[in-house]
């Protein structure tokens, strides 16, 4: 039987300490920020995120990196 390596979900404080790789992204239809979190874990800086659904935007804003602009306008 092949054993999986141990894994745990990193804390937001650990993600905040990840060194940037120099690449930057924006997130359209960002939702609660799952893909943006993945970008941050890969070292990308999220410059701007768009989410017009209030509940999703509130979650995104609670976890957004400092300096990320969260835009609530409908971009459709």
Protein backbone atom coordinates (compact mmCIF):
# COMPACT_ATOMS: atom_id res chain seq x y z
CA UNK A 1 0.00 0.00 0.00
CA UNK A 2 1.32 3.44 -0.93
CA UNK A 3 1.20 5.90 1.92
CA UNK A 4 0.25 9.47 1.21
CA UNK A 5 2.52 12.14 2.62
CA UNK A 6 1.05 13.95 5.57
CA UNK A 7 -0.72 17.18 4.72
CA UNK A 8 -2.41 19.92 6.65
CA UNK A 9 -4.09 23.11 5.54
CA UNK A 10 -1.70 26.03 6.12
CA UNK A 11 -2.70 28.88 8.40
CA UNK A 12 -3.33 32.30 6.85
CA UNK A 13 -0.38 33.61 8.87
CA UNK A 14 1.85 31.00 7.19
CA UNK A 15 0.55 31.94 3.75
CA UNK A 16 1.23 35.62 4.50
CA UNK A 17 4.91 34.76 5.09
CA UNK A 18 5.40 33.08 1.68
CA UNK A 19 8.04 34.95 -0.27
CA UNK A 20 6.74 36.51 -3.50
CA UNK A 21 7.96 35.11 -6.82
CA UNK A 22 7.58 38.45 -8.63
CA UNK A 23 4.51 37.52 -10.68
CA UNK A 24 1.20 39.39 -10.31
CA UNK A 25 -2.37 38.38 -11.09
CA UNK A 26 -5.93 39.69 -11.02
CA UNK A 27 -8.99 37.60 -10.17
CA UNK A 28 -12.30 38.08 -11.98
CA UNK A 29 -15.45 36.54 -10.50
CA UNK A 30 -13.32 35.86 -7.44
CA UNK A 31 -15.92 34.26 -5.19
CA UNK A 32 -14.61 33.72 -1.68
CA UNK A 33 -11.02 33.68 -2.95
CA UNK A 34 -10.04 30.04 -3.39
CA UNK A 35 -8.06 30.52 -6.59
CA UNK A 36 -6.48 33.70 -5.24
CA UNK A 37 -5.36 31.77 -2.18
CA UNK A 38 -3.70 29.24 -4.47
CA UNK A 39 -1.95 32.05 -6.34
CA UNK A 40 -0.69 33.46 -3.04
CA UNK A 41 0.54 30.02 -1.96
CA UNK A 42 2.51 29.87 -5.23
CA UNK A 43 4.09 33.26 -4.49
CA UNK A 44 1.97 35.40 -6.78
CA UNK A 45 0.73 38.82 -5.68
CA UNK A 46 -3.01 39.34 -6.22
CA UNK A 47 -3.41 42.99 -7.25
CA UNK A 48 -7.16 43.19 -7.85
CA UNK A 49 -10.19 40.96 -7.37
CA UNK A 50 -13.74 41.40 -8.62
CA UNK A 51 -16.74 39.92 -6.79
CA UNK A 52 -20.20 41.50 -6.80
CA UNK A 53 -22.00 39.01 -4.53
CA UNK A 54 -21.92 40.60 -1.09
CA UNK A 55 -21.48 37.44 1.02
CA UNK A 56 -18.64 36.10 -1.14
CA UNK A 57 -16.94 39.50 -1.24
CA UNK A 58 -17.07 39.78 2.56
CA UNK A 59 -15.29 36.43 2.91
CA UNK A 60 -12.75 37.43 0.27
CA UNK A 61 -12.06 40.73 2.01
CA UNK A 62 -11.60 38.98 5.37
CA UNK A 63 -8.80 36.83 3.91
CA UNK A 64 -7.33 39.13 1.24
CA UNK A 65 -3.66 40.03 1.28
CA UNK A 66 -2.83 43.59 2.28
CA UNK A 67 -2.87 45.80 -0.79
CA UNK A 68 -5.33 43.69 -2.80
CA UNK A 69 -8.12 45.87 -4.21
CA UNK A 70 -11.47 44.10 -3.90
CA UNK A 71 -13.94 45.57 -6.39
CA UNK A 72 -17.66 45.00 -5.78
CA UNK A 73 -18.88 46.21 -9.17
CA UNK A 74 -20.63 43.84 -11.56
CA UNK A 75 -18.24 43.37 -14.49
CA UNK A 76 -20.55 41.24 -16.62
